[in-house]
PDB file of N, CA and C in Angstrom:
ATOM      1  N   MET A   1      10.475  14.692 -10.101  1.00  0.00           N
ATOM      2  CA  MET A   1      10.130  13.881  -8.936  1.00  0.00           C
ATOM      3  C   MET A   1       9.002  12.920  -9.307  1.00  0.00           C
ATOM      4  N   GLY A   2       9.162  11.666  -8.903  1.00  0.00           N
ATOM      5  CA  GLY A   2       8.146  10.665  -9.207  1.00  0.00           C
ATOM      6  C   GLY A   2       6.941  10.778  -8.303  1.00  0.00           C
ATOM      7  N   ALA A   3       5.998   9.900  -8.504  1.00  0.00           N
ATOM      8  CA  ALA A   3       4.780   9.872  -7.692  1.00  0.00           C
ATOM      9  C   ALA A   3       5.131   9.715  -6.220  1.00  0.00           C
ATOM     10  N   LYS A   4       4.292  10.310  -5.361  1.00  0.00           N
ATOM     11  CA  LYS A   4       4.494  10.231  -3.910  1.00  0.00           C
ATOM     12  C   LYS A   4       3.785   8.989  -3.382  1.00  0.00           C
ATOM     13  N   ILE A   5       4.525   8.208  -2.582  1.00  0.00           N
ATOM     14  CA  ILE A   5       4.013   6.926  -2.103  1.00  0.00           C
ATOM     15  C   ILE A   5       4.188   6.812  -0.592  1.00  0.00           C
ATOM     16  N   VAL A   6       3.189   6.214   0.072  1.00  0.00           N
ATOM     17  CA  VAL A   6       3.297   5.849   1.483  1.00  0.00           C
ATOM     18  C   VAL A   6       3.347   4.324   1.553  1.00  0.00           C
ATOM     19  N   LEU A   7       4.259   3.813   2.376  1.00  0.00           N
ATOM     20  CA  LEU A   7       4.408   2.374   2.578  1.00  0.00           C
ATOM     21  C   LEU A   7       3.904   2.006   3.965  1.00  0.00           C
ATOM     22  N   ALA A   8       2.987   1.053   4.056  1.00  0.00           N
ATOM     23  CA  ALA A   8       2.454   0.619   5.346  1.00  0.00           C
ATOM     24  C   ALA A   8       2.637  -0.887   5.499  1.00  0.00           C
ATOM     25  N   ASP A   9       3.532  -1.265   6.391  1.00  0.00           N
ATOM     26  CA  ASP A   9       3.807  -2.677   6.680  1.00  0.00           C
ATOM     27  C   ASP A   9       4.387  -2.726   8.080  1.00  0.00           C
ATOM     28  N   ASP A  10       3.988  -3.710   8.878  1.00  0.00           N
ATOM     29  CA  ASP A  10       4.509  -3.791  10.239  1.00  0.00           C
ATOM     30  C   ASP A  10       5.966  -4.234  10.282  1.00  0.00           C
ATOM     31  N   LEU A  11       6.477  -4.777   9.201  1.00  0.00           N
ATOM     32  CA  LEU A  11       7.876  -5.202   9.154  1.00  0.00           C
ATOM     33  C   LEU A  11       8.723  -4.112   8.488  1.00  0.00           C
ATOM     34  N   SER A  12       9.625  -3.530   9.256  1.00  0.00           N
ATOM     35  CA  SER A  12      10.469  -2.465   8.703  1.00  0.00           C
ATOM     36  C   SER A  12      11.316  -2.976   7.538  1.00  0.00           C
ATOM     37  N   PHE A  13      11.701  -4.248   7.578  1.00  0.00           N
ATOM     38  CA  PHE A  13      12.469  -4.824   6.483  1.00  0.00           C
ATOM     39  C   PHE A  13      11.684  -4.773   5.170  1.00  0.00           C
ATOM     40  N   MET A  14      10.391  -5.085   5.232  1.00  0.00           N
ATOM     41  CA  MET A  14       9.567  -5.060   4.012  1.00  0.00           C
ATOM     42  C   MET A  14       9.451  -3.633   3.473  1.00  0.00           C
ATOM     43  N   ARG A  15       9.282  -2.660   4.371  1.00  0.00           N
ATOM     44  CA  ARG A  15       9.224  -1.260   3.933  1.00  0.00           C
ATOM     45  C   ARG A  15      10.543  -0.849   3.292  1.00  0.00           C
ATOM     46  N   MET A  16      11.651  -1.293   3.879  1.00  0.00           N
ATOM     47  CA  MET A  16      12.972  -0.947   3.345  1.00  0.00           C
ATOM     48  C   MET A  16      13.152  -1.514   1.933  1.00  0.00           C
ATOM     49  N   VAL A  17      12.762  -2.771   1.740  1.00  0.00           N
ATOM     50  CA  VAL A  17      12.882  -3.404   0.420  1.00  0.00           C
ATOM     51  C   VAL A  17      12.022  -2.646  -0.600  1.00  0.00           C
ATOM     52  N   GLN A  18      10.784  -2.340  -0.242  1.00  0.00           N
ATOM     53  CA  GLN A  18       9.902  -1.606  -1.155  1.00  0.00           C
ATOM     54  C   GLN A  18      10.471  -0.225  -1.458  1.00  0.00           C
ATOM     55  N   ARG A  19      10.985   0.458  -0.424  1.00  0.00           N
ATOM     56  CA  ARG A  19      11.560   1.794  -0.596  1.00  0.00           C
ATOM     57  C   ARG A  19      12.704   1.757  -1.624  1.00  0.00           C
ATOM     58  N   GLU A  20      13.609   0.786  -1.458  1.00  0.00           N
ATOM     59  CA  GLU A  20      14.755   0.685  -2.366  1.00  0.00           C
ATOM     60  C   GLU A  20      14.307   0.463  -3.811  1.00  0.00           C
ATOM     61  N   ILE A  21      13.361  -0.440  -4.003  1.00  0.00           N
ATOM     62  CA  ILE A  21      12.863  -0.740  -5.352  1.00  0.00           C
ATOM     63  C   ILE A  21      12.230   0.502  -5.975  1.00  0.00           C
ATOM     64  N   LEU A  22      11.388   1.185  -5.218  1.00  0.00           N
ATOM     65  CA  LEU A  22      10.635   2.322  -5.757  1.00  0.00           C
ATOM     66  C   LEU A  22      11.507   3.563  -5.959  1.00  0.00           C
ATOM     67  N   GLU A  23      12.384   3.841  -5.011  1.00  0.00           N
ATOM     68  CA  GLU A  23      13.240   5.020  -5.153  1.00  0.00           C
ATOM     69  C   GLU A  23      14.217   4.866  -6.314  1.00  0.00           C
ATOM     70  N   GLU A  24      14.662   3.632  -6.536  1.00  0.00           N
ATOM     71  CA  GLU A  24      15.566   3.376  -7.665  1.00  0.00           C
ATOM     72  C   GLU A  24      14.901   3.731  -8.996  1.00  0.00           C
ATOM     73  N   LYS A  25      13.563   3.618  -9.052  1.00  0.00           N
ATOM     74  CA  LYS A  25      12.814   3.937 -10.277  1.00  0.00           C
ATOM     75  C   LYS A  25      12.269   5.370 -10.276  1.00  0.00           C
ATOM     76  N   GLY A  26      12.696   6.168  -9.291  1.00  0.00           N
ATOM     77  CA  GLY A  26      12.333   7.576  -9.303  1.00  0.00           C
ATOM     78  C   GLY A  26      11.094   7.957  -8.519  1.00  0.00           C
ATOM     79  N   TYR A  27      10.495   7.009  -7.818  1.00  0.00           N
ATOM     80  CA  TYR A  27       9.336   7.333  -6.987  1.00  0.00           C
ATOM     81  C   TYR A  27       9.814   7.941  -5.669  1.00  0.00           C
ATOM     82  N   THR A  28       8.968   8.740  -5.032  1.00  0.00           N
ATOM     83  CA  THR A  28       9.312   9.398  -3.781  1.00  0.00           C
ATOM     84  C   THR A  28       8.495   8.791  -2.645  1.00  0.00           C
ATOM     85  N   ILE A  29       9.182   8.229  -1.657  1.00  0.00           N
ATOM     86  CA  ILE A  29       8.498   7.687  -0.485  1.00  0.00           C
ATOM     87  C   ILE A  29       8.341   8.850   0.498  1.00  0.00           C
ATOM     88  N   VAL A  30       7.105   9.301   0.679  1.00  0.00           N
ATOM     89  CA  VAL A  30       6.859  10.462   1.528  1.00  0.00           C
ATOM     90  C   VAL A  30       6.560  10.084   2.969  1.00  0.00           C
ATOM     91  N   GLY A  31       6.264   8.797   3.214  1.00  0.00           N
ATOM     92  CA  GLY A  31       5.986   8.374   4.571  1.00  0.00           C
ATOM     93  C   GLY A  31       5.891   6.874   4.692  1.00  0.00           C
ATOM     94  N   GLU A  32       6.009   6.409   5.936  1.00  0.00           N
ATOM     95  CA  GLU A  32       5.893   4.989   6.240  1.00  0.00           C
ATOM     96  C   GLU A  32       5.008   4.821   7.467  1.00  0.00           C
ATOM     97  N   ALA A  33       4.389   3.656   7.563  1.00  0.00           N
ATOM     98  CA  ALA A  33       3.532   3.340   8.709  1.00  0.00           C
ATOM     99  C   ALA A  33       3.746   1.883   9.093  1.00  0.00           C
ATOM    100  N   SER A  34       3.643   1.601  10.398  1.00  0.00           N
ATOM    101  CA  SER A  34       3.842   0.225  10.863  1.00  0.00           C
ATOM    102  C   SER A  34       2.550  -0.446  11.307  1.00  0.00           C
ATOM    103  N   ASP A  35       1.433   0.291  11.207  1.00  0.00           N
ATOM    104  CA  ASP A  35       0.129  -0.322  11.480  1.00  0.00           C
ATOM    105  C   ASP A  35      -0.951   0.458  10.724  1.00  0.00           C
ATOM    106  N   GLY A  36      -2.165  -0.065  10.774  1.00  0.00           N
ATOM    107  CA  GLY A  36      -3.249   0.540  10.015  1.00  0.00           C
ATOM    108  C   GLY A  36      -3.615   1.941  10.472  1.00  0.00           C
ATOM    109  N   ILE A  37      -3.537   2.187  11.777  1.00  0.00           N
ATOM    110  CA  ILE A  37      -3.874   3.513  12.295  1.00  0.00           C
ATOM    111  C   ILE A  37      -2.883   4.553  11.767  1.00  0.00           C
ATOM    112  N   GLU A  38      -1.591   4.223  11.831  1.00  0.00           N
ATOM    113  CA  GLU A  38      -0.566   5.125  11.282  1.00  0.00           C
ATOM    114  C   GLU A  38      -0.768   5.319   9.785  1.00  0.00           C
ATOM    115  N   ALA A  39      -1.153   4.260   9.080  1.00  0.00           N
ATOM    116  CA  ALA A  39      -1.356   4.356   7.630  1.00  0.00           C
ATOM    117  C   ALA A  39      -2.426   5.386   7.301  1.00  0.00           C
ATOM    118  N   ILE A  40      -3.522   5.366   8.035  1.00  0.00           N
ATOM    119  CA  ILE A  40      -4.598   6.336   7.817  1.00  0.00           C
ATOM    120  C   ILE A  40      -4.087   7.749   8.089  1.00  0.00           C
ATOM    121  N   GLU A  41      -3.376   7.912   9.209  1.00  0.00           N
ATOM    122  CA  GLU A  41      -2.832   9.237   9.555  1.00  0.00           C
ATOM    123  C   GLU A  41      -1.885   9.741   8.470  1.00  0.00           C
ATOM    124  N   ARG A  42      -0.996   8.867   7.993  1.00  0.00           N
ATOM    125  CA  ARG A  42      -0.038   9.272   6.947  1.00  0.00           C
ATOM    126  C   ARG A  42      -0.789   9.650   5.665  1.00  0.00           C
ATOM    127  N   TYR A  43      -1.808   8.864   5.328  1.00  0.00           N
ATOM    128  CA  TYR A  43      -2.565   9.167   4.111  1.00  0.00           C
ATOM    129  C   TYR A  43      -3.227  10.544   4.221  1.00  0.00           C
ATOM    130  N   GLU A  44      -3.878  10.789   5.345  1.00  0.00           N
ATOM    131  CA  GLU A  44      -4.617  12.046   5.500  1.00  0.00           C
ATOM    132  C   GLU A  44      -3.697  13.259   5.549  1.00  0.00           C
ATOM    133  N   THR A  45      -2.518  13.125   6.156  1.00  0.00           N
ATOM    134  CA  THR A  45      -1.628  14.283   6.266  1.00  0.00           C
ATOM    135  C   THR A  45      -0.724  14.461   5.053  1.00  0.00           C
ATOM    136  N   LEU A  46      -0.294  13.364   4.444  1.00  0.00           N
ATOM    137  CA  LEU A  46       0.677  13.453   3.342  1.00  0.00           C
ATOM    138  C   LEU A  46       0.035  13.454   1.957  1.00  0.00           C
ATOM    139  N   ARG A  47      -1.198  12.973   1.863  1.00  0.00           N
ATOM    140  CA  ARG A  47      -1.914  12.905   0.588  1.00  0.00           C
ATOM    141  C   ARG A  47      -1.064  12.316  -0.544  1.00  0.00           C
ATOM    142  N   PRO A  48      -0.605  11.067  -0.375  1.00  0.00           N
ATOM    143  CA  PRO A  48       0.237  10.457  -1.411  1.00  0.00           C
ATOM    144  C   PRO A  48      -0.564  10.149  -2.669  1.00  0.00           C
ATOM    145  N   ASP A  49       0.166   9.929  -3.752  1.00  0.00           N
ATOM    146  CA  ASP A  49      -0.472   9.495  -4.996  1.00  0.00           C
ATOM    147  C   ASP A  49      -0.929   8.042  -4.874  1.00  0.00           C
ATOM    148  N   VAL A  50      -0.168   7.242  -4.115  1.00  0.00           N
ATOM    149  CA  VAL A  50      -0.458   5.817  -3.926  1.00  0.00           C
ATOM    150  C   VAL A  50      -0.071   5.431  -2.501  1.00  0.00           C
ATOM    151  N   ILE A  51      -0.828   4.516  -1.907  1.00  0.00           N
ATOM    152  CA  ILE A  51      -0.433   3.915  -0.625  1.00  0.00           C
ATOM    153  C   ILE A  51      -0.431   2.405  -0.797  1.00  0.00           C
ATOM    154  N   ILE A  52       0.633   1.771  -0.314  1.00  0.00           N
ATOM    155  CA  ILE A  52       0.716   0.312  -0.315  1.00  0.00           C
ATOM    156  C   ILE A  52       0.429  -0.149   1.110  1.00  0.00           C
ATOM    157  N   LEU A  53      -0.633  -0.940   1.272  1.00  0.00           N
ATOM    158  CA  LEU A  53      -1.071  -1.413   2.593  1.00  0.00           C
ATOM    159  C   LEU A  53      -0.871  -2.915   2.721  1.00  0.00           C
ATOM    160  N   ASP A  54      -0.126  -3.317   3.738  1.00  0.00           N
ATOM    161  CA  ASP A  54      -0.046  -4.733   4.058  1.00  0.00           C
ATOM    162  C   ASP A  54      -1.378  -5.130   4.701  1.00  0.00           C
ATOM    163  N   ILE A  55      -1.871  -6.315   4.422  1.00  0.00           N
ATOM    164  CA  ILE A  55      -3.138  -6.744   5.013  1.00  0.00           C
ATOM    165  C   ILE A  55      -2.983  -7.012   6.507  1.00  0.00           C
ATOM    166  N   THR A  56      -1.913  -7.719   6.887  1.00  0.00           N
ATOM    167  CA  THR A  56      -1.746  -8.141   8.268  1.00  0.00           C
ATOM    168  C   THR A  56      -0.838  -7.173   9.022  1.00  0.00           C
ATOM    169  N   MET A  57      -1.464  -6.316   9.845  1.00  0.00           N
ATOM    170  CA  MET A  57      -0.717  -5.355  10.665  1.00  0.00           C
ATOM    171  C   MET A  57      -1.383  -5.269  12.037  1.00  0.00           C
ATOM    172  N   PRO A  58      -0.624  -4.869  13.064  1.00  0.00           N
ATOM    173  CA  PRO A  58      -1.204  -4.737  14.402  1.00  0.00           C
ATOM    174  C   PRO A  58      -2.097  -3.494  14.521  1.00  0.00           C
ATOM    175  N   ASN A  59      -2.854  -3.427  15.600  1.00  0.00           N
ATOM    176  CA  ASN A  59      -3.732  -2.299  15.953  1.00  0.00           C
ATOM    177  C   ASN A  59      -4.905  -2.123  14.995  1.00  0.00           C
ATOM    178  N   MET A  60      -4.647  -2.119  13.706  1.00  0.00           N
ATOM    179  CA  MET A  60      -5.711  -2.100  12.695  1.00  0.00           C
ATOM    180  C   MET A  60      -5.134  -2.733  11.432  1.00  0.00           C
ATOM    181  N   ASN A  61      -5.827  -3.740  10.899  1.00  0.00           N
ATOM    182  CA  ASN A  61      -5.288  -4.409   9.715  1.00  0.00           C
ATOM    183  C   ASN A  61      -5.451  -3.547   8.458  1.00  0.00           C
ATOM    184  N   GLY A  62      -4.826  -3.988   7.387  1.00  0.00           N
ATOM    185  CA  GLY A  62      -4.839  -3.227   6.144  1.00  0.00           C
ATOM    186  C   GLY A  62      -6.215  -3.064   5.520  1.00  0.00           C
ATOM    187  N   LEU A  63      -7.086  -4.076   5.672  1.00  0.00           N
ATOM    188  CA  LEU A  63      -8.426  -3.957   5.096  1.00  0.00           C
ATOM    189  C   LEU A  63      -9.253  -2.909   5.826  1.00  0.00           C
ATOM    190  N   ASP A  64      -9.163  -2.888   7.154  1.00  0.00           N
ATOM    191  CA  ASP A  64      -9.889  -1.865   7.905  1.00  0.00           C
ATOM    192  C   ASP A  64      -9.344  -0.473   7.578  1.00  0.00           C
ATOM    193  N   ALA A  65      -8.017  -0.371   7.468  1.00  0.00           N
ATOM    194  CA  ALA A  65      -7.404   0.906   7.099  1.00  0.00           C
ATOM    195  C   ALA A  65      -7.856   1.325   5.699  1.00  0.00           C
ATOM    196  N   MET A  66      -7.923   0.361   4.785  1.00  0.00           N
ATOM    197  CA  MET A  66      -8.379   0.630   3.419  1.00  0.00           C
ATOM    198  C   MET A  66      -9.775   1.253   3.433  1.00  0.00           C
ATOM    199  N   HIS A  67     -10.691   0.652   4.201  1.00  0.00           N
ATOM    200  CA  HIS A  67     -12.060   1.172   4.261  1.00  0.00           C
ATOM    201  C   HIS A  67     -12.078   2.597   4.804  1.00  0.00           C
ATOM    202  N   LYS A  68     -11.278   2.872   5.839  1.00  0.00           N
ATOM    203  CA  LYS A  68     -11.218   4.218   6.423  1.00  0.00           C
ATOM    204  C   LYS A  68     -10.631   5.226   5.436  1.00  0.00           C
ATOM    205  N   ILE A  69      -9.618   4.802   4.696  1.00  0.00           N
ATOM    206  CA  ILE A  69      -9.016   5.706   3.698  1.00  0.00           C
ATOM    207  C   ILE A  69     -10.025   6.003   2.597  1.00  0.00           C
ATOM    208  N   PHE A  70     -10.771   4.987   2.143  1.00  0.00           N
ATOM    209  CA  PHE A  70     -11.800   5.222   1.123  1.00  0.00           C
ATOM    210  C   PHE A  70     -12.911   6.133   1.643  1.00  0.00           C
ATOM    211  N   GLU A  71     -13.227   6.058   2.950  1.00  0.00           N
ATOM    212  CA  GLU A  71     -14.213   6.986   3.515  1.00  0.00           C
ATOM    213  C   GLU A  71     -13.699   8.418   3.431  1.00  0.00           C
ATOM    214  N   PHE A  72     -12.401   8.589   3.669  1.00  0.00           N
ATOM    215  CA  PHE A  72     -11.765   9.903   3.640  1.00  0.00           C
ATOM    216  C   PHE A  72     -11.602  10.405   2.209  1.00  0.00           C
ATOM    217  N   ASP A  73     -11.245   9.489   1.290  1.00  0.00           N
ATOM    218  CA  ASP A  73     -10.947   9.859  -0.100  1.00  0.00           C
ATOM    219  C   ASP A  73     -11.396   8.713  -1.010  1.00  0.00           C
ATOM    220  N   LYS A  74     -12.574   8.874  -1.621  1.00  0.00           N
ATOM    221  CA  LYS A  74     -13.121   7.817  -2.487  1.00  0.00           C
ATOM    222  C   LYS A  74     -12.210   7.481  -3.664  1.00  0.00           C
ATOM    223  N   SER A  75     -11.358   8.430  -4.077  1.00  0.00           N
ATOM    224  CA  SER A  75     -10.496   8.201  -5.238  1.00  0.00           C
ATOM    225  C   SER A  75      -9.084   7.758  -4.839  1.00  0.00           C
ATOM    226  N   ALA A  76      -8.896   7.357  -3.592  1.00  0.00           N
ATOM    227  CA  ALA A  76      -7.572   6.913  -3.137  1.00  0.00           C
ATOM    228  C   ALA A  76      -7.064   5.774  -4.012  1.00  0.00           C
ATOM    229  N   LYS A  77      -5.777   5.826  -4.294  1.00  0.00           N
ATOM    230  CA  LYS A  77      -5.129   4.755  -5.062  1.00  0.00           C
ATOM    231  C   LYS A  77      -4.401   3.858  -4.065  1.00  0.00           C
ATOM    232  N   ILE A  78      -5.017   2.711  -3.804  1.00  0.00           N
ATOM    233  CA  ILE A  78      -4.510   1.789  -2.790  1.00  0.00           C
ATOM    234  C   ILE A  78      -4.077   0.489  -3.451  1.00  0.00           C
ATOM    235  N   ILE A  79      -2.904   0.005  -3.024  1.00  0.00           N
ATOM    236  CA  ILE A  79      -2.419  -1.311  -3.432  1.00  0.00           C
ATOM    237  C   ILE A  79      -2.325  -2.134  -2.149  1.00  0.00           C
ATOM    238  N   ILE A  80      -2.879  -3.331  -2.177  1.00  0.00           N
ATOM    239  CA  ILE A  80      -2.842  -4.222  -1.011  1.00  0.00           C
ATOM    240  C   ILE A  80      -1.685  -5.205  -1.184  1.00  0.00           C
ATOM    241  N   CYS A  81      -0.989  -5.443  -0.085  1.00  0.00           N
ATOM    242  CA  CYS A  81       0.123  -6.395  -0.075  1.00  0.00           C
ATOM    243  C   CYS A  81      -0.267  -7.522   0.883  1.00  0.00           C
ATOM    244  N   SER A  82      -0.151  -8.762   0.432  1.00  0.00           N
ATOM    245  CA  SER A  82      -0.578  -9.876   1.275  1.00  0.00           C
ATOM    246  C   SER A  82       0.376 -11.049   1.169  1.00  0.00           C
ATOM    247  N   ALA A  83       0.227 -11.946   2.109  1.00  0.00           N
ATOM    248  CA  ALA A  83       0.981 -13.194   2.068  1.00  0.00           C
ATOM    249  C   ALA A  83       0.166 -14.225   1.288  1.00  0.00           C
ATOM    250  N   LEU A  84       0.819 -15.276   0.857  1.00  0.00           N
ATOM    251  CA  LEU A  84       0.113 -16.363   0.194  1.00  0.00           C
ATOM    252  C   LEU A  84      -0.962 -16.907   1.128  1.00  0.00           C
ATOM    253  N   GLY A  85      -2.063 -17.346   0.566  1.00  0.00           N
ATOM    254  CA  GLY A  85      -3.124 -17.920   1.384  1.00  0.00           C
ATOM    255  C   GLY A  85      -4.156 -16.914   1.869  1.00  0.00           C
ATOM    256  N   GLN A  86      -4.057 -15.673   1.419  1.00  0.00           N
ATOM    257  CA  GLN A  86      -5.021 -14.654   1.838  1.00  0.00           C
ATOM    258  C   GLN A  86      -5.920 -14.232   0.665  1.00  0.00           C
ATOM    259  N   GLN A  87      -6.203 -15.182  -0.225  1.00  0.00           N
ATOM    260  CA  GLN A  87      -6.964 -14.870  -1.434  1.00  0.00           C
ATOM    261  C   GLN A  87      -8.315 -14.240  -1.141  1.00  0.00           C
ATOM    262  N   GLN A  88      -9.015 -14.728  -0.132  1.00  0.00           N
ATOM    263  CA  GLN A  88     -10.340 -14.188   0.173  1.00  0.00           C
ATOM    264  C   GLN A  88     -10.255 -12.725   0.564  1.00  0.00           C
ATOM    265  N   LEU A  89      -9.212 -12.358   1.309  1.00  0.00           N
ATOM    266  CA  LEU A  89      -9.024 -10.965   1.708  1.00  0.00           C
ATOM    267  C   LEU A  89      -8.680 -10.101   0.498  1.00  0.00           C
ATOM    268  N   ILE A  90      -7.907 -10.650  -0.419  1.00  0.00           N
ATOM    269  CA  ILE A  90      -7.567  -9.915  -1.646  1.00  0.00           C
ATOM    270  C   ILE A  90      -8.835  -9.656  -2.454  1.00  0.00           C
ATOM    271  N   VAL A  91      -9.695 -10.669  -2.582  1.00  0.00           N
ATOM    272  CA  VAL A  91     -10.953 -10.511  -3.318  1.00  0.00           C
ATOM    273  C   VAL A  91     -11.797  -9.411  -2.677  1.00  0.00           C
ATOM    274  N   GLU A  92     -11.874  -9.411  -1.347  1.00  0.00           N
ATOM    275  CA  GLU A  92     -12.629  -8.381  -0.635  1.00  0.00           C
ATOM    276  C   GLU A  92     -12.057  -6.986  -0.940  1.00  0.00           C
ATOM    277  N   ALA A  93     -10.735  -6.886  -0.939  1.00  0.00           N
ATOM    278  CA  ALA A  93     -10.077  -5.598  -1.210  1.00  0.00           C
ATOM    279  C   ALA A  93     -10.347  -5.121  -2.638  1.00  0.00           C
ATOM    280  N   ILE A  94     -10.300  -6.039  -3.593  1.00  0.00           N
ATOM    281  CA  ILE A  94     -10.559  -5.671  -4.987  1.00  0.00           C
ATOM    282  C   ILE A  94     -12.001  -5.194  -5.153  1.00  0.00           C
ATOM    283  N   LYS A  95     -12.929  -5.905  -4.523  1.00  0.00           N
ATOM    284  CA  LYS A  95     -14.337  -5.489  -4.599  1.00  0.00           C
ATOM    285  C   LYS A  95     -14.535  -4.098  -3.988  1.00  0.00           C
ATOM    286  N   ALA A  96     -13.735  -3.768  -2.980  1.00  0.00           N
ATOM    287  CA  ALA A  96     -13.845  -2.470  -2.311  1.00  0.00           C
ATOM    288  C   ALA A  96     -13.237  -1.342  -3.146  1.00  0.00           C
ATOM    289  N   GLY A  97     -12.374  -1.705  -4.112  1.00  0.00           N
ATOM    290  CA  GLY A  97     -11.852  -0.674  -4.998  1.00  0.00           C
ATOM    291  C   GLY A  97     -10.350  -0.479  -5.043  1.00  0.00           C
ATOM    292  N   VAL A  98      -9.565  -1.403  -4.453  1.00  0.00           N
ATOM    293  CA  VAL A  98      -8.120  -1.233  -4.555  1.00  0.00           C
ATOM    294  C   VAL A  98      -7.690  -1.358  -6.015  1.00  0.00           C
ATOM    295  N   LYS A  99      -6.578  -0.717  -6.337  1.00  0.00           N
ATOM    296  CA  LYS A  99      -6.101  -0.689  -7.722  1.00  0.00           C
ATOM    297  C   LYS A  99      -5.390  -1.978  -8.121  1.00  0.00           C
ATOM    298  N   ASP A 100      -4.712  -2.617  -7.168  1.00  0.00           N
ATOM    299  CA  ASP A 100      -3.969  -3.840  -7.478  1.00  0.00           C
ATOM    300  C   ASP A 100      -3.553  -4.485  -6.168  1.00  0.00           C
ATOM    301  N   PHE A 101      -2.913  -5.645  -6.266  1.00  0.00           N
ATOM    302  CA  PHE A 101      -2.402  -6.324  -5.078  1.00  0.00           C
ATOM    303  C   PHE A 101      -1.057  -6.944  -5.396  1.00  0.00           C
ATOM    304  N   ILE A 102      -0.260  -7.091  -4.362  1.00  0.00           N
ATOM    305  CA  ILE A 102       1.066  -7.701  -4.459  1.00  0.00           C
ATOM    306  C   ILE A 102       1.077  -8.842  -3.457  1.00  0.00           C
ATOM    307  N   VAL A 103       1.578 -10.015  -3.861  1.00  0.00           N
ATOM    308  CA  VAL A 103       1.671 -11.156  -2.959  1.00  0.00           C
ATOM    309  C   VAL A 103       3.134 -11.347  -2.557  1.00  0.00           C
ATOM    310  N   LYS A 104       3.338 -11.485  -1.235  1.00  0.00           N
ATOM    311  CA  LYS A 104       4.693 -11.739  -0.721  1.00  0.00           C
ATOM    312  C   LYS A 104       5.011 -13.217  -0.869  1.00  0.00           C
ATOM    313  N   PRO A 105       6.237 -13.588  -1.136  1.00  0.00           N
ATOM    314  CA  PRO A 105       7.357 -12.701  -1.452  1.00  0.00           C
ATOM    315  C   PRO A 105       7.196 -12.147  -2.863  1.00  0.00           C
ATOM    316  N   PHE A 106       7.457 -10.877  -3.033  1.00  0.00           N
ATOM    317  CA  PHE A 106       7.209 -10.242  -4.315  1.00  0.00           C
ATOM    318  C   PHE A 106       8.500 -10.001  -5.090  1.00  0.00           C
ATOM    319  N   LYS A 107       8.329  -9.832  -6.372  1.00  0.00           N
ATOM    320  CA  LYS A 107       9.442  -9.494  -7.253  1.00  0.00           C
ATOM    321  C   LYS A 107       9.394  -7.983  -7.504  1.00  0.00           C
ATOM    322  N   PRO A 108      10.541  -7.342  -7.654  1.00  0.00           N
ATOM    323  CA  PRO A 108      10.558  -5.892  -7.884  1.00  0.00           C
ATOM    324  C   PRO A 108       9.662  -5.455  -9.038  1.00  0.00           C
ATOM    325  N   GLU A 109       9.675  -6.207 -10.136  1.00  0.00           N
ATOM    326  CA  GLU A 109       8.871  -5.796 -11.293  1.00  0.00           C
ATOM    327  C   GLU A 109       7.372  -5.852 -10.992  1.00  0.00           C
ATOM    328  N   ARG A 110       6.971  -6.713 -10.050  1.00  0.00           N
ATOM    329  CA  ARG A 110       5.554  -6.799  -9.682  1.00  0.00           C
ATOM    330  C   ARG A 110       5.117  -5.547  -8.914  1.00  0.00           C
ATOM    331  N   ILE A 111       5.965  -5.062  -8.028  1.00  0.00           N
ATOM    332  CA  ILE A 111       5.659  -3.817  -7.298  1.00  0.00           C
ATOM    333  C   ILE A 111       5.545  -2.657  -8.297  1.00  0.00           C
ATOM    334  N   LEU A 112       6.512  -2.582  -9.202  1.00  0.00           N
ATOM    335  CA  LEU A 112       6.527  -1.492 -10.177  1.00  0.00           C
ATOM    336  C   LEU A 112       5.313  -1.524 -11.082  1.00  0.00           C
ATOM    337  N   SER A 113       4.906  -2.710 -11.528  1.00  0.00           N
ATOM    338  CA  SER A 113       3.738  -2.782 -12.406  1.00  0.00           C
ATOM    339  C   SER A 113       2.467  -2.408 -11.639  1.00  0.00           C
ATOM    340  N   ALA A 114       2.389  -2.768 -10.353  1.00  0.00           N
ATOM    341  CA  ALA A 114       1.223  -2.400  -9.537  1.00  0.00           C
ATOM    342  C   ALA A 114       1.143  -0.880  -9.375  1.00  0.00           C
ATOM    343  N   ILE A 115       2.273  -0.227  -9.162  1.00  0.00           N
ATOM    344  CA  ILE A 115       2.301   1.232  -9.027  1.00  0.00           C
ATOM    345  C   ILE A 115       1.863   1.873 -10.339  1.00  0.00           C
ATOM    346  N   GLU A 116       2.425   1.396 -11.455  1.00  0.00           N
ATOM    347  CA  GLU A 116       2.057   1.960 -12.766  1.00  0.00           C
ATOM    348  C   GLU A 116       0.554   1.784 -13.033  1.00  0.00           C
ATOM    349  N   LYS A 117       0.019   0.628 -12.691  1.00  0.00           N
ATOM    350  CA  LYS A 117      -1.418   0.367 -12.887  1.00  0.00           C
ATOM    351  C   LYS A 117      -2.251   1.326 -12.032  1.00  0.00           C
ATOM    352  N   ALA A 118      -1.829   1.520 -10.789  1.00  0.00           N
ATOM    353  CA  ALA A 118      -2.581   2.413  -9.886  1.00  0.00           C
ATOM    354  C   ALA A 118      -2.569   3.859 -10.372  1.00  0.00           C
ATOM    355  N   LEU A 119      -1.488   4.273 -10.978  1.00  0.00           N
ATOM    356  CA  LEU A 119      -1.363   5.672 -11.413  1.00  0.00           C
ATOM    357  C   LEU A 119      -2.087   5.967 -12.720  1.00  0.00           C
ATOM    358  N   LYS A 120      -2.511   4.940 -13.445  1.00  0.00           N
ATOM    359  CA  LYS A 120      -3.203   5.159 -14.723  1.00  0.00           C
ATOM    360  C   LYS A 120      -4.593   5.701 -14.509  1.00  0.00           C
TER     361      LYS A 120
END
């Protein structure tokens, strides 16, 4: 069984695309979230090896969720997913300690390399 991953994105289509790419390579998707609050809950209950957080989500954005997850687990392996034009938010996330970032629209190999980098 591959590494356990949680996917957090408000668009179910984006989660589905990520799930297909990752499961095809042997990773296990243990949970999904459609907003930042759910992402924190999934992280705390499922304890994944990696969580992919979209920056722009309702109720709580990915950066706020990232900070809460780091408060809960300083060694969390977080990958941020963003749209083009959110460079400043990506810089903030990297300074906070995320392992990598993916920019939408993404290529499958970019997601896979981000996961591999996070797991090292």
